[in-house]
Amino acid sequence: MSDTQTALTTRTDAILHDLTSVYDVPVHITIDVGRLRLRVRDLLRLAPDSIIALKKPAGEPFEISINGVQVARGEVINVEQSSAIRIVEVHKPGGLTS
């Protein structure tokens, strides 16, 4: 490992250690599966079993935000008869993704 890599690892470890004080702070997570505009008359017609079609193609990942900041993209999956989210991409600080 180079000196630069060692320094980065040491700095990353220090940053993660400093974050331990906020590990239990609750945050709001928003999962945005789609947006659309409806006229009031169409909104008033909604009833059980109504279907609202979204413009996003089925199977396309959607945005996941924490406190209003987009942090990841995910897809809906079923796990033990419940809906769940599989993370398919994580946004790193500075706009990079993994």
PDB file of N, CA and C in Angstrom:
ATOM      1  N   MET A   1       0.855  -1.174   0.000  1.00  0.00           N
ATOM      2  CA  MET A   1       0.000   0.000   0.000  1.00  0.00           C
ATOM      3  C   MET A   1       0.901   1.236   0.000  1.00  0.00           C
ATOM      4  N   SER A   2       0.597   2.207  -0.841  1.00  0.00           N
ATOM      5  CA  SER A   2       1.417   3.417  -0.934  1.00  0.00           C
ATOM      6  C   SER A   2       1.158   4.324   0.267  1.00  0.00           C
ATOM      7  N   ASP A   3       2.033   5.298   0.447  1.00  0.00           N
ATOM      8  CA  ASP A   3       1.861   6.260   1.536  1.00  0.00           C
ATOM      9  C   ASP A   3       0.555   7.038   1.380  1.00  0.00           C
ATOM     10  N   THR A   4       0.199   7.349   0.127  1.00  0.00           N
ATOM     11  CA  THR A   4      -1.044   8.079  -0.133  1.00  0.00           C
ATOM     12  C   THR A   4      -2.252   7.238   0.263  1.00  0.00           C
ATOM     13  N   GLN A   5      -2.245   5.955  -0.109  1.00  0.00           N
ATOM     14  CA  GLN A   5      -3.353   5.064   0.244  1.00  0.00           C
ATOM     15  C   GLN A   5      -3.442   4.890   1.754  1.00  0.00           C
ATOM     16  N   THR A   6      -2.307   4.766   2.420  1.00  0.00           N
ATOM     17  CA  THR A   6      -2.289   4.623   3.875  1.00  0.00           C
ATOM     18  C   THR A   6      -2.865   5.872   4.533  1.00  0.00           C
ATOM     19  N   ALA A   7      -2.474   7.046   4.036  1.00  0.00           N
ATOM     20  CA  ALA A   7      -2.982   8.303   4.589  1.00  0.00           C
ATOM     21  C   ALA A   7      -4.488   8.418   4.386  1.00  0.00           C
ATOM     22  N   LEU A   8      -4.980   8.016   3.203  1.00  0.00           N
ATOM     23  CA  LEU A   8      -6.419   8.064   2.935  1.00  0.00           C
ATOM     24  C   LEU A   8      -7.176   7.103   3.835  1.00  0.00           C
ATOM     25  N   THR A   9      -6.652   5.906   4.017  1.00  0.00           N
ATOM     26  CA  THR A   9      -7.293   4.918   4.885  1.00  0.00           C
ATOM     27  C   THR A   9      -7.342   5.423   6.316  1.00  0.00           C
ATOM     28  N   THR A  10      -6.246   5.990   6.794  1.00  0.00           N
ATOM     29  CA  THR A  10      -6.191   6.526   8.152  1.00  0.00           C
ATOM     30  C   THR A  10      -7.197   7.660   8.316  1.00  0.00           C
ATOM     31  N   ARG A  11      -7.275   8.545   7.327  1.00  0.00           N
ATOM     32  CA  ARG A  11      -8.216   9.669   7.391  1.00  0.00           C
ATOM     33  C   ARG A  11      -9.657   9.164   7.349  1.00  0.00           C
ATOM     34  N   THR A  12      -9.945   8.197   6.487  1.00  0.00           N
ATOM     35  CA  THR A  12     -11.290   7.632   6.399  1.00  0.00           C
ATOM     36  C   THR A  12     -11.683   6.990   7.720  1.00  0.00           C
ATOM     37  N   ASP A  13     -10.784   6.221   8.318  1.00  0.00           N
ATOM     38  CA  ASP A  13     -11.063   5.598   9.615  1.00  0.00           C
ATOM     39  C   ASP A  13     -11.359   6.655  10.677  1.00  0.00           C
ATOM     40  N   ALA A  14     -10.604   7.749  10.673  1.00  0.00           N
ATOM     41  CA  ALA A  14     -10.818   8.823  11.645  1.00  0.00           C
ATOM     42  C   ALA A  14     -12.179   9.480  11.439  1.00  0.00           C
ATOM     43  N   ILE A  15     -12.554   9.714  10.182  1.00  0.00           N
ATOM     44  CA  ILE A  15     -13.851  10.325   9.885  1.00  0.00           C
ATOM     45  C   ILE A  15     -14.976   9.409  10.342  1.00  0.00           C
ATOM     46  N   LEU A  16     -14.877   8.122  10.034  1.00  0.00           N
ATOM     47  CA  LEU A  16     -15.915   7.172  10.444  1.00  0.00           C
ATOM     48  C   LEU A  16     -16.011   7.098  11.957  1.00  0.00           C
ATOM     49  N   HIS A  17     -14.886   7.143  12.655  1.00  0.00           N
ATOM     50  CA  HIS A  17     -14.903   7.121  14.116  1.00  0.00           C
ATOM     51  C   HIS A  17     -15.602   8.368  14.651  1.00  0.00           C
ATOM     52  N   ASP A  18     -15.337   9.528  14.049  1.00  0.00           N
ATOM     53  CA  ASP A  18     -15.977  10.768  14.479  1.00  0.00           C
ATOM     54  C   ASP A  18     -17.489  10.716  14.281  1.00  0.00           C
ATOM     55  N   LEU A  19     -17.963   9.938  13.343  1.00  0.00           N
ATOM     56  CA  LEU A  19     -19.396   9.841  13.065  1.00  0.00           C
ATOM     57  C   LEU A  19     -20.151   8.986  14.073  1.00  0.00           C
ATOM     58  N   THR A  20     -19.449   8.238  14.914  1.00  0.00           N
ATOM     59  CA  THR A  20     -20.145   7.359  15.854  1.00  0.00           C
ATOM     60  C   THR A  20     -21.106   8.126  16.746  1.00  0.00           C
ATOM     61  N   SER A  21     -20.856   9.389  16.994  1.00  0.00           N
ATOM     62  CA  SER A  21     -21.744  10.179  17.850  1.00  0.00           C
ATOM     63  C   SER A  21     -23.091  10.472  17.185  1.00  0.00           C
ATOM     64  N   VAL A  22     -23.195  10.299  15.878  1.00  0.00           N
ATOM     65  CA  VAL A  22     -24.460  10.578  15.189  1.00  0.00           C
ATOM     66  C   VAL A  22     -25.129   9.313  14.647  1.00  0.00           C
ATOM     67  N   TYR A  23     -24.612   8.152  14.954  1.00  0.00           N
ATOM     68  CA  TYR A  23     -25.180   6.907  14.433  1.00  0.00           C
ATOM     69  C   TYR A  23     -26.651   6.727  14.784  1.00  0.00           C
ATOM     70  N   ASP A  24     -27.093   7.213  15.930  1.00  0.00           N
ATOM     71  CA  ASP A  24     -28.471   7.000  16.362  1.00  0.00           C
ATOM     72  C   ASP A  24     -29.398   8.173  16.061  1.00  0.00           C
ATOM     73  N   VAL A  25     -28.929   9.150  15.295  1.00  0.00           N
ATOM     74  CA  VAL A  25     -29.770  10.290  14.916  1.00  0.00           C
ATOM     75  C   VAL A  25     -30.726   9.837  13.814  1.00  0.00           C
ATOM     76  N   PRO A  26     -32.046  10.006  14.020  1.00  0.00           N
ATOM     77  CA  PRO A  26     -32.993   9.594  12.979  1.00  0.00           C
ATOM     78  C   PRO A  26     -32.957  10.547  11.786  1.00  0.00           C
ATOM     79  N   VAL A  27     -33.144   9.989  10.601  1.00  0.00           N
ATOM     80  CA  VAL A  27     -33.219  10.775   9.371  1.00  0.00           C
ATOM     81  C   VAL A  27     -34.463  10.342   8.602  1.00  0.00           C
ATOM     82  N   HIS A  28     -34.981  11.230   7.761  1.00  0.00           N
ATOM     83  CA  HIS A  28     -36.144  10.917   6.936  1.00  0.00           C
ATOM     84  C   HIS A  28     -35.670  10.416   5.579  1.00  0.00           C
ATOM     85  N   ILE A  29     -36.141   9.241   5.202  1.00  0.00           N
ATOM     86  CA  ILE A  29     -35.801   8.666   3.903  1.00  0.00           C
ATOM     87  C   ILE A  29     -37.033   8.757   3.007  1.00  0.00           C
ATOM     88  N   THR A  30     -36.846   9.272   1.805  1.00  0.00           N
ATOM     89  CA  THR A  30     -37.921   9.383   0.827  1.00  0.00           C
ATOM     90  C   THR A  30     -37.569   8.515  -0.369  1.00  0.00           C
ATOM     91  N   ILE A  31     -38.524   7.703  -0.784  1.00  0.00           N
ATOM     92  CA  ILE A  31     -38.335   6.856  -1.955  1.00  0.00           C
ATOM     93  C   ILE A  31     -39.321   7.338  -3.009  1.00  0.00           C
ATOM     94  N   ASP A  32     -38.797   7.948  -4.054  1.00  0.00           N
ATOM     95  CA  ASP A  32     -39.604   8.603  -5.077  1.00  0.00           C
ATOM     96  C   ASP A  32     -39.803   7.653  -6.253  1.00  0.00           C
ATOM     97  N   VAL A  33     -40.995   7.041  -6.308  1.00  0.00           N
ATOM     98  CA  VAL A  33     -41.260   6.082  -7.382  1.00  0.00           C
ATOM     99  C   VAL A  33     -41.815   6.743  -8.634  1.00  0.00           C
ATOM    100  N   GLY A  34     -42.252   7.980  -8.526  1.00  0.00           N
ATOM    101  CA  GLY A  34     -42.744   8.678  -9.699  1.00  0.00           C
ATOM    102  C   GLY A  34     -43.534   9.915  -9.331  1.00  0.00           C
ATOM    103  N   ARG A  35     -43.712  10.771 -10.305  1.00  0.00           N
ATOM    104  CA  ARG A  35     -44.484  12.003 -10.121  1.00  0.00           C
ATOM    105  C   ARG A  35     -45.350  12.216 -11.352  1.00  0.00           C
ATOM    106  N   LEU A  36     -46.497  12.822 -11.146  1.00  0.00           N
ATOM    107  CA  LEU A  36     -47.359  13.143 -12.266  1.00  0.00           C
ATOM    108  C   LEU A  36     -48.296  14.267 -11.877  1.00  0.00           C
ATOM    109  N   ARG A  37     -48.961  14.799 -12.861  1.00  0.00           N
ATOM    110  CA  ARG A  37     -49.969  15.836 -12.649  1.00  0.00           C
ATOM    111  C   ARG A  37     -51.327  15.238 -12.944  1.00  0.00           C
ATOM    112  N   LEU A  38     -52.271  15.478 -12.041  1.00  0.00           N
ATOM    113  CA  LEU A  38     -53.653  15.066 -12.252  1.00  0.00           C
ATOM    114  C   LEU A  38     -54.548  16.290 -12.162  1.00  0.00           C
ATOM    115  N   ARG A  39     -55.589  16.298 -12.966  1.00  0.00           N
ATOM    116  CA  ARG A  39     -56.602  17.336 -12.812  1.00  0.00           C
ATOM    117  C   ARG A  39     -57.447  16.973 -11.598  1.00  0.00           C
ATOM    118  N   VAL A  40     -58.038  17.971 -10.987  1.00  0.00           N
ATOM    119  CA  VAL A  40     -58.857  17.739  -9.797  1.00  0.00           C
ATOM    120  C   VAL A  40     -59.953  16.726 -10.096  1.00  0.00           C
ATOM    121  N   ARG A  41     -60.579  16.817 -11.278  1.00  0.00           N
ATOM    122  CA  ARG A  41     -61.662  15.870 -11.597  1.00  0.00           C
ATOM    123  C   ARG A  41     -61.151  14.428 -11.613  1.00  0.00           C
ATOM    124  N   ASP A  42     -59.919  14.223 -12.110  1.00  0.00           N
ATOM    125  CA  ASP A  42     -59.346  12.875 -12.125  1.00  0.00           C
ATOM    126  C   ASP A  42     -58.972  12.427 -10.713  1.00  0.00           C
ATOM    127  N   LEU A  43     -58.486  13.349  -9.920  1.00  0.00           N
ATOM    128  CA  LEU A  43     -58.150  13.049  -8.533  1.00  0.00           C
ATOM    129  C   LEU A  43     -59.392  12.621  -7.755  1.00  0.00           C
ATOM    130  N   LEU A  44     -60.502  13.308  -7.989  1.00  0.00           N
ATOM    131  CA  LEU A  44     -61.746  12.992  -7.287  1.00  0.00           C
ATOM    132  C   LEU A  44     -62.339  11.657  -7.728  1.00  0.00           C
ATOM    133  N   ARG A  45     -61.950  11.154  -8.875  1.00  0.00           N
ATOM    134  CA  ARG A  45     -62.449   9.862  -9.366  1.00  0.00           C
ATOM    135  C   ARG A  45     -61.683   8.675  -8.785  1.00  0.00           C
ATOM    136  N   LEU A  46     -60.581   8.932  -8.101  1.00  0.00           N
ATOM    137  CA  LEU A  46     -59.789   7.827  -7.546  1.00  0.00           C
ATOM    138  C   LEU A  46     -60.598   7.063  -6.508  1.00  0.00           C
ATOM    139  N   ALA A  47     -60.490   5.759  -6.561  1.00  0.00           N
ATOM    140  CA  ALA A  47     -61.214   4.876  -5.650  1.00  0.00           C
ATOM    141  C   ALA A  47     -60.359   3.634  -5.434  1.00  0.00           C
ATOM    142  N   PRO A  48     -60.737   2.789  -4.476  1.00  0.00           N
ATOM    143  CA  PRO A  48     -59.999   1.533  -4.318  1.00  0.00           C
ATOM    144  C   PRO A  48     -59.922   0.790  -5.652  1.00  0.00           C
ATOM    145  N   ASP A  49     -58.794   0.226  -5.936  1.00  0.00           N
ATOM    146  CA  ASP A  49     -58.487  -0.506  -7.165  1.00  0.00           C
ATOM    147  C   ASP A  49     -58.200   0.403  -8.361  1.00  0.00           C
ATOM    148  N   SER A  50     -58.217   1.738  -8.169  1.00  0.00           N
ATOM    149  CA  SER A  50     -57.798   2.640  -9.246  1.00  0.00           C
ATOM    150  C   SER A  50     -56.315   2.416  -9.505  1.00  0.00           C
ATOM    151  N   ILE A  51     -55.914   2.616 -10.733  1.00  0.00           N
ATOM    152  CA  ILE A  51     -54.500   2.493 -11.103  1.00  0.00           C
ATOM    153  C   ILE A  51     -54.040   3.835 -11.644  1.00  0.00           C
ATOM    154  N   ILE A  52     -52.931   4.311 -11.113  1.00  0.00           N
ATOM    155  CA  ILE A  52     -52.336   5.557 -11.593  1.00  0.00           C
ATOM    156  C   ILE A  52     -51.088   5.175 -12.372  1.00  0.00           C
ATOM    157  N   ALA A  53     -51.112   5.407 -13.672  1.00  0.00           N
ATOM    158  CA  ALA A  53     -49.973   5.057 -14.519  1.00  0.00           C
ATOM    159  C   ALA A  53     -48.889   6.122 -14.387  1.00  0.00           C
ATOM    160  N   LEU A  54     -47.666   5.676 -14.235  1.00  0.00           N
ATOM    161  CA  LEU A  54     -46.518   6.569 -14.153  1.00  0.00           C
ATOM    162  C   LEU A  54     -45.778   6.553 -15.482  1.00  0.00           C
ATOM    163  N   LYS A  55     -45.053   7.615 -15.779  1.00  0.00           N
ATOM    164  CA  LYS A  55     -44.309   7.687 -17.033  1.00  0.00           C
ATOM    165  C   LYS A  55     -43.005   6.907 -16.977  1.00  0.00           C
ATOM    166  N   LYS A  56     -42.527   6.613 -15.775  1.00  0.00           N
ATOM    167  CA  LYS A  56     -41.271   5.876 -15.632  1.00  0.00           C
ATOM    168  C   LYS A  56     -41.497   4.416 -16.016  1.00  0.00           C
ATOM    169  N   PRO A  57     -40.660   3.860 -16.883  1.00  0.00           N
ATOM    170  CA  PRO A  57     -40.820   2.460 -17.284  1.00  0.00           C
ATOM    171  C   PRO A  57     -40.702   1.507 -16.088  1.00  0.00           C
ATOM    172  N   ALA A  58     -41.511   0.458 -16.091  1.00  0.00           N
ATOM    173  CA  ALA A  58     -41.443  -0.542 -15.026  1.00  0.00           C
ATOM    174  C   ALA A  58     -40.045  -1.138 -14.979  1.00  0.00           C
ATOM    175  N   GLY A  59     -39.541  -1.332 -13.785  1.00  0.00           N
ATOM    176  CA  GLY A  59     -38.224  -1.925 -13.618  1.00  0.00           C
ATOM    177  C   GLY A  59     -37.087  -0.919 -13.594  1.00  0.00           C
ATOM    178  N   GLU A  60     -37.366   0.337 -13.942  1.00  0.00           N
ATOM    179  CA  GLU A  60     -36.317   1.361 -13.912  1.00  0.00           C
ATOM    180  C   GLU A  60     -36.088   1.792 -12.458  1.00  0.00           C
ATOM    181  N   PRO A  61     -34.826   1.908 -12.021  1.00  0.00           N
ATOM    182  CA  PRO A  61     -34.560   2.324 -10.641  1.00  0.00           C
ATOM    183  C   PRO A  61     -35.118   3.716 -10.347  1.00  0.00           C
ATOM    184  N   PHE A  62     -35.443   3.949  -9.082  1.00  0.00           N
ATOM    185  CA  PHE A  62     -35.971   5.231  -8.659  1.00  0.00           C
ATOM    186  C   PHE A  62     -35.041   5.848  -7.627  1.00  0.00           C
ATOM    187  N   GLU A  63     -35.227   7.141  -7.375  1.00  0.00           N
ATOM    188  CA  GLU A  63     -34.340   7.883  -6.486  1.00  0.00           C
ATOM    189  C   GLU A  63     -34.693   7.661  -5.020  1.00  0.00           C
ATOM    190  N   ILE A  64     -33.665   7.575  -4.191  1.00  0.00           N
ATOM    191  CA  ILE A  64     -33.809   7.482  -2.745  1.00  0.00           C
ATOM    192  C   ILE A  64     -33.106   8.701  -2.157  1.00  0.00           C
ATOM    193  N   SER A  65     -33.829   9.445  -1.319  1.00  0.00           N
ATOM    194  CA  SER A  65     -33.281  10.667  -0.729  1.00  0.00           C
ATOM    195  C   SER A  65     -33.306  10.575   0.790  1.00  0.00           C
ATOM    196  N   ILE A  66     -32.312  11.177   1.407  1.00  0.00           N
ATOM    197  CA  ILE A  66     -32.266  11.297   2.860  1.00  0.00           C
ATOM    198  C   ILE A  66     -32.203  12.779   3.174  1.00  0.00           C
ATOM    199  N   ASN A  67     -33.186  13.231   3.957  1.00  0.00           N
ATOM    200  CA  ASN A  67     -33.299  14.650   4.305  1.00  0.00           C
ATOM    201  C   ASN A  67     -33.215  15.539   3.069  1.00  0.00           C
ATOM    202  N   GLY A  68     -33.855  15.115   1.976  1.00  0.00           N
ATOM    203  CA  GLY A  68     -33.936  15.915   0.766  1.00  0.00           C
ATOM    204  C   GLY A  68     -32.756  15.816  -0.181  1.00  0.00           C
ATOM    205  N   VAL A  69     -31.752  15.015   0.162  1.00  0.00           N
ATOM    206  CA  VAL A  69     -30.563  14.872  -0.682  1.00  0.00           C
ATOM    207  C   VAL A  69     -30.584  13.490  -1.330  1.00  0.00           C
ATOM    208  N   GLN A  70     -30.486  13.435  -2.666  1.00  0.00           N
ATOM    209  CA  GLN A  70     -30.468  12.142  -3.351  1.00  0.00           C
ATOM    210  C   GLN A  70     -29.187  11.404  -2.995  1.00  0.00           C
ATOM    211  N   VAL A  71     -29.352  10.190  -2.454  1.00  0.00           N
ATOM    212  CA  VAL A  71     -28.191   9.426  -2.004  1.00  0.00           C
ATOM    213  C   VAL A  71     -28.033   8.092  -2.714  1.00  0.00           C
ATOM    214  N   ALA A  72     -29.100   7.616  -3.367  1.00  0.00           N
ATOM    215  CA  ALA A  72     -29.020   6.293  -3.982  1.00  0.00           C
ATOM    216  C   ALA A  72     -30.143   6.125  -4.992  1.00  0.00           C
ATOM    217  N   ARG A  73     -30.075   5.003  -5.708  1.00  0.00           N
ATOM    218  CA  ARG A  73     -31.152   4.565  -6.593  1.00  0.00           C
ATOM    219  C   ARG A  73     -31.465   3.129  -6.202  1.00  0.00           C
ATOM    220  N   GLY A  74     -32.734   2.762  -6.302  1.00  0.00           N
ATOM    221  CA  GLY A  74     -33.111   1.421  -5.894  1.00  0.00           C
ATOM    222  C   GLY A  74     -34.262   0.878  -6.706  1.00  0.00           C
ATOM    223  N   GLU A  75     -34.595  -0.382  -6.425  1.00  0.00           N
ATOM    224  CA  GLU A  75     -35.716  -1.034  -7.094  1.00  0.00           C
ATOM    225  C   GLU A  75     -36.535  -1.781  -6.055  1.00  0.00           C
ATOM    226  N   VAL A  76     -37.825  -1.896  -6.319  1.00  0.00           N
ATOM    227  CA  VAL A  76     -38.723  -2.597  -5.406  1.00  0.00           C
ATOM    228  C   VAL A  76     -38.580  -4.094  -5.613  1.00  0.00           C
ATOM    229  N   ILE A  77     -38.476  -4.823  -4.511  1.00  0.00           N
ATOM    230  CA  ILE A  77     -38.454  -6.283  -4.550  1.00  0.00           C
ATOM    231  C   ILE A  77     -39.402  -6.805  -3.476  1.00  0.00           C
ATOM    232  N   ASN A  78     -39.732  -8.079  -3.532  1.00  0.00           N
ATOM    233  CA  ASN A  78     -40.540  -8.721  -2.502  1.00  0.00           C
ATOM    234  C   ASN A  78     -39.646  -9.574  -1.623  1.00  0.00           C
ATOM    235  N   VAL A  79     -39.790  -9.409  -0.318  1.00  0.00           N
ATOM    236  CA  VAL A  79     -39.039 -10.198   0.652  1.00  0.00           C
ATOM    237  C   VAL A  79     -40.026 -10.690   1.700  1.00  0.00           C
ATOM    238  N   GLU A  80     -40.216 -11.989   1.751  1.00  0.00           N
ATOM    239  CA  GLU A  80     -41.109 -12.601   2.737  1.00  0.00           C
ATOM    240  C   GLU A  80     -42.462 -11.892   2.785  1.00  0.00           C
ATOM    241  N   GLN A  81     -43.105 -11.761   1.679  1.00  0.00           N
ATOM    242  CA  GLN A  81     -44.442 -11.192   1.527  1.00  0.00           C
ATOM    243  C   GLN A  81     -44.521  -9.713   1.888  1.00  0.00           C
ATOM    244  N   SER A  82     -43.400  -9.020   1.881  1.00  0.00           N
ATOM    245  CA  SER A  82     -43.373  -7.577   2.109  1.00  0.00           C
ATOM    246  C   SER A  82     -42.598  -6.913   0.981  1.00  0.00           C
ATOM    247  N   SER A  83     -42.910  -5.659   0.736  1.00  0.00           N
ATOM    248  CA  SER A  83     -42.119  -4.896  -0.229  1.00  0.00           C
ATOM    249  C   SER A  83     -40.829  -4.458   0.438  1.00  0.00           C
ATOM    250  N   ALA A  84     -39.765  -4.424  -0.336  1.00  0.00           N
ATOM    251  CA  ALA A  84     -38.464  -3.990   0.170  1.00  0.00           C
ATOM    252  C   ALA A  84     -37.763  -3.237  -0.949  1.00  0.00           C
ATOM    253  N   ILE A  85     -36.663  -2.599  -0.615  1.00  0.00           N
ATOM    254  CA  ILE A  85     -35.891  -1.834  -1.585  1.00  0.00           C
ATOM    255  C   ILE A  85     -34.513  -2.448  -1.721  1.00  0.00           C
ATOM    256  N   ARG A  86     -34.118  -2.741  -2.951  1.00  0.00           N
ATOM    257  CA  ARG A  86     -32.745  -3.184  -3.228  1.00  0.00           C
ATOM    258  C   ARG A  86     -31.989  -1.973  -3.759  1.00  0.00           C
ATOM    259  N   ILE A  87     -30.896  -1.634  -3.098  1.00  0.00           N
ATOM    260  CA  ILE A  87     -30.067  -0.515  -3.539  1.00  0.00           C
ATOM    261  C   ILE A  87     -29.260  -0.985  -4.742  1.00  0.00           C
ATOM    262  N   VAL A  88     -29.368  -0.251  -5.850  1.00  0.00           N
ATOM    263  CA  VAL A  88     -28.631  -0.622  -7.061  1.00  0.00           C
ATOM    264  C   VAL A  88     -27.491   0.345  -7.362  1.00  0.00           C
ATOM    265  N   GLU A  89     -27.529   1.520  -6.740  1.00  0.00           N
ATOM    266  CA  GLU A  89     -26.479   2.516  -6.968  1.00  0.00           C
ATOM    267  C   GLU A  89     -26.455   3.463  -5.776  1.00  0.00           C
ATOM    268  N   VAL A  90     -25.265   3.794  -5.299  1.00  0.00           N
ATOM    269  CA  VAL A  90     -25.107   4.743  -4.200  1.00  0.00           C
ATOM    270  C   VAL A  90     -24.367   5.962  -4.725  1.00  0.00           C
ATOM    271  N   HIS A  91     -24.917   7.140  -4.461  1.00  0.00           N
ATOM    272  CA  HIS A  91     -24.266   8.394  -4.863  1.00  0.00           C
ATOM    273  C   HIS A  91     -23.231   8.756  -3.809  1.00  0.00           C
ATOM    274  N   LYS A  92     -22.013   8.919  -4.224  1.00  0.00           N
ATOM    275  CA  LYS A  92     -20.940   9.338  -3.321  1.00  0.00           C
ATOM    276  C   LYS A  92     -20.889  10.862  -3.293  1.00  0.00           C
ATOM    277  N   PRO A  93     -20.327  11.442  -2.229  1.00  0.00           N
ATOM    278  CA  PRO A  93     -20.172  12.903  -2.212  1.00  0.00           C
ATOM    279  C   PRO A  93     -19.402  13.368  -3.445  1.00  0.00           C
ATOM    280  N   GLY A  94     -19.810  14.478  -3.997  1.00  0.00           N
ATOM    281  CA  GLY A  94     -19.137  15.013  -5.177  1.00  0.00           C
ATOM    282  C   GLY A  94     -19.714  14.513  -6.479  1.00  0.00           C
ATOM    283  N   GLY A  95     -20.855  13.791  -6.415  1.00  0.00           N
ATOM    284  CA  GLY A  95     -21.520  13.360  -7.631  1.00  0.00           C
ATOM    285  C   GLY A  95     -21.052  12.037  -8.201  1.00  0.00           C
ATOM    286  N   LEU A  96     -20.103  11.370  -7.558  1.00  0.00           N
ATOM    287  CA  LEU A  96     -19.639  10.073  -8.048  1.00  0.00           C
ATOM    288  C   LEU A  96     -20.624   9.000  -7.633  1.00  0.00           C
ATOM    289  N   THR A  97     -20.682   7.895  -8.364  1.00  0.00           N
ATOM    290  CA  THR A  97     -21.571   6.796  -8.018  1.00  0.00           C
ATOM    291  C   THR A  97     -20.786   5.511  -7.914  1.00  0.00           C
ATOM    292  N   SER A  98     -21.399   4.557  -7.205  1.00  0.00           N
ATOM    293  CA  SER A  98     -20.775   3.232  -7.117  1.00  0.00           C
ATOM    294  C   SER A  98     -21.785   2.169  -7.464  1.00  0.00           C
TER     295      SER A  98
END
